[in-house]
Protein backbone atom coordinates (compact mmCIF):
# COMPACT_ATOMS: atom_id res chain seq x y z
CA UNK A 1 3.09 3.07 10.63
CA UNK A 2 0.27 1.27 12.43
CA UNK A 3 -0.23 -1.03 9.43
CA UNK A 4 3.50 -1.76 9.35
CA UNK A 5 3.43 -2.57 13.07
CA UNK A 6 0.42 -4.87 12.70
CA UNK A 7 1.94 -6.76 9.79
CA UNK A 8 5.31 -7.05 11.55
CA UNK A 9 3.57 -8.40 14.64
CA UNK A 10 1.80 -11.02 12.54
CA UNK A 11 4.97 -11.88 10.62
CA UNK A 12 7.05 -12.38 13.76
CA UNK A 13 4.51 -13.97 16.11
CA UNK A 14 2.44 -16.32 14.00
CA UNK A 15 -0.34 -17.55 16.26
CA UNK A 16 -4.14 -17.71 16.15
CA UNK A 17 -4.44 -14.96 18.80
CA UNK A 18 -2.20 -12.59 16.86
CA UNK A 19 -4.13 -13.39 13.68
CA UNK A 20 -7.41 -12.46 15.41
CA UNK A 21 -5.90 -9.22 16.73
CA UNK A 22 -4.54 -8.48 13.26
CA UNK A 23 -7.95 -8.92 11.62
CA UNK A 24 -9.61 -6.63 14.15
CA UNK A 25 -6.96 -3.92 13.87
CA UNK A 26 -6.77 -4.20 10.07
CA UNK A 27 -10.52 -3.71 9.87
CA UNK A 28 -10.16 -0.36 11.58
CA UNK A 29 -6.86 0.78 10.06
CA UNK A 30 -7.57 -0.35 6.51
CA UNK A 31 -10.96 1.37 6.33
CA UNK A 32 -9.52 4.52 7.87
CA UNK A 33 -6.56 4.46 5.48
CA UNK A 34 -8.72 3.86 2.41
CA UNK A 35 -11.00 6.77 3.32
CA UNK A 36 -8.03 9.12 3.53
CA UNK A 37 -6.40 7.64 0.42
CA UNK A 38 -9.53 7.95 -1.71
CA UNK A 39 -9.98 11.55 -0.57
CA UNK A 40 -6.40 12.42 -1.49
CA UNK A 41 -6.70 10.55 -4.79
CA UNK A 42 -9.89 12.48 -5.62
CA UNK A 43 -8.21 15.80 -4.84
CA UNK A 44 -5.16 14.91 -6.92
CA UNK A 45 -7.40 13.82 -9.80
CA UNK A 46 -9.34 17.06 -9.57
CA UNK A 47 -6.12 19.09 -9.72
CA UNK A 48 -4.73 16.94 -12.55
CA UNK A 49 -7.98 17.21 -14.52
CA UNK A 50 -7.00 20.66 -15.70
CA UNK A 51 -3.75 19.45 -17.27
CA UNK A 52 -4.55 15.92 -18.45
CA UNK A 53 -7.23 14.40 -20.57
CA UNK A 54 -9.18 11.34 -19.40
CA UNK A 55 -7.00 8.77 -21.19
CA UNK A 56 -3.74 10.18 -19.85
CA UNK A 57 -5.16 10.08 -16.34
CA UNK A 58 -6.25 6.45 -16.72
CA UNK A 59 -2.80 5.42 -17.93
CA UNK A 60 -1.09 7.42 -15.17
CA UNK A 61 -3.28 6.06 -12.37
CA UNK A 62 -4.21 2.51 -13.41
CA UNK A 63 -1.02 1.29 -15.11
CA UNK A 64 1.11 1.52 -11.93
CA UNK A 65 -1.52 -0.47 -10.03
CA UNK A 66 -1.47 -3.27 -12.61
CA UNK A 67 2.33 -3.24 -12.74
CA UNK A 68 2.49 -3.35 -8.94
CA UNK A 69 0.21 -6.37 -8.82
CA UNK A 70 2.32 -8.22 -11.38
CA UNK A 71 5.54 -7.40 -9.52
CA UNK A 72 3.97 -8.37 -6.18
CA UNK A 73 2.81 -11.71 -7.53
CA UNK A 74 6.26 -12.35 -8.99
CA UNK A 75 7.97 -11.52 -5.68
CA UNK A 76 5.57 -13.84 -3.87
CA UNK A 77 6.11 -16.73 -6.26
CA UNK A 78 9.89 -16.35 -6.21
CA UNK A 79 10.02 -16.04 -2.42
CA UNK A 80 7.81 -19.12 -1.94
CA UNK A 81 9.96 -21.13 -4.32
CA UNK A 82 13.25 -20.14 -2.61
CA UNK A 83 12.25 -20.49 1.06
CA UNK A 84 9.98 -22.66 3.15
CA UNK A 85 6.38 -21.45 3.08
CA UNK A 86 6.45 -20.43 6.75
CA UNK A 87 9.53 -18.22 6.28
CA UNK A 88 8.33 -16.93 2.91
CA UNK A 89 4.97 -15.85 4.34
CA UNK A 90 6.68 -14.26 7.33
CA UNK A 91 8.91 -12.21 5.00
CA UNK A 92 6.05 -11.31 2.64
CA UNK A 93 3.78 -10.12 5.45
CA UNK A 94 6.46 -7.82 6.87
CA UNK A 95 7.42 -6.68 3.35
CA UNK A 96 3.76 -5.81 2.68
CA UNK A 97 3.70 -3.61 5.76
CA UNK A 98 6.92 -1.92 4.63
CA UNK A 99 5.45 -1.11 1.22
CA UNK A 100 2.45 0.60 2.82
CA UNK A 101 4.84 2.67 4.93
CA UNK A 102 6.80 3.69 1.81
CA UNK A 103 3.52 4.48 0.02
CA UNK A 104 2.56 6.87 2.82
CA UNK A 105 5.79 8.85 2.43
CA UNK A 106 5.44 9.01 -1.36
CA UNK A 107 1.86 10.32 -1.17
CA UNK A 108 2.87 12.81 1.52
CA UNK A 109 5.71 14.16 -0.66
CA UNK A 110 3.37 14.42 -3.66
CA UNK A 111 0.81 16.40 -1.63
CA UNK A 112 3.53 18.73 -0.34
CA UNK A 113 4.82 19.21 -3.91
CA UNK A 114 1.33 20.07 -5.17
CA UNK A 115 0.82 22.52 -2.31
CA UNK A 116 4.05 24.31 -3.24
CA UNK A 117 2.89 24.52 -6.86
CA UNK A 118 -0.36 26.20 -5.79
CA UNK A 119 1.55 28.99 -4.09
């Protein structure tokens, strides 16, 4: 939610001061988020290791990342071609924050689902 707030702030109030505040806050939030994410990813991989072989895990974990990058680039190119760059970047920055918020809820549901399976 903090990442979403930071990106929304930058998307709405585009100024050098807000950009500086964004970089400082993103440095803290992004590192903190990546530490938690990598820990959860490691735990999920460890649990999945019993049921999947190495190649299935690579396809299941890396393919969505590649697909997401392709879709993200396509959305960016389409948005920049339809709107002025200032409005397109404003939308894309806020949209980026929204995706991170959605990602948090998806990972949280997955962790809860795995915890129920353990019981």
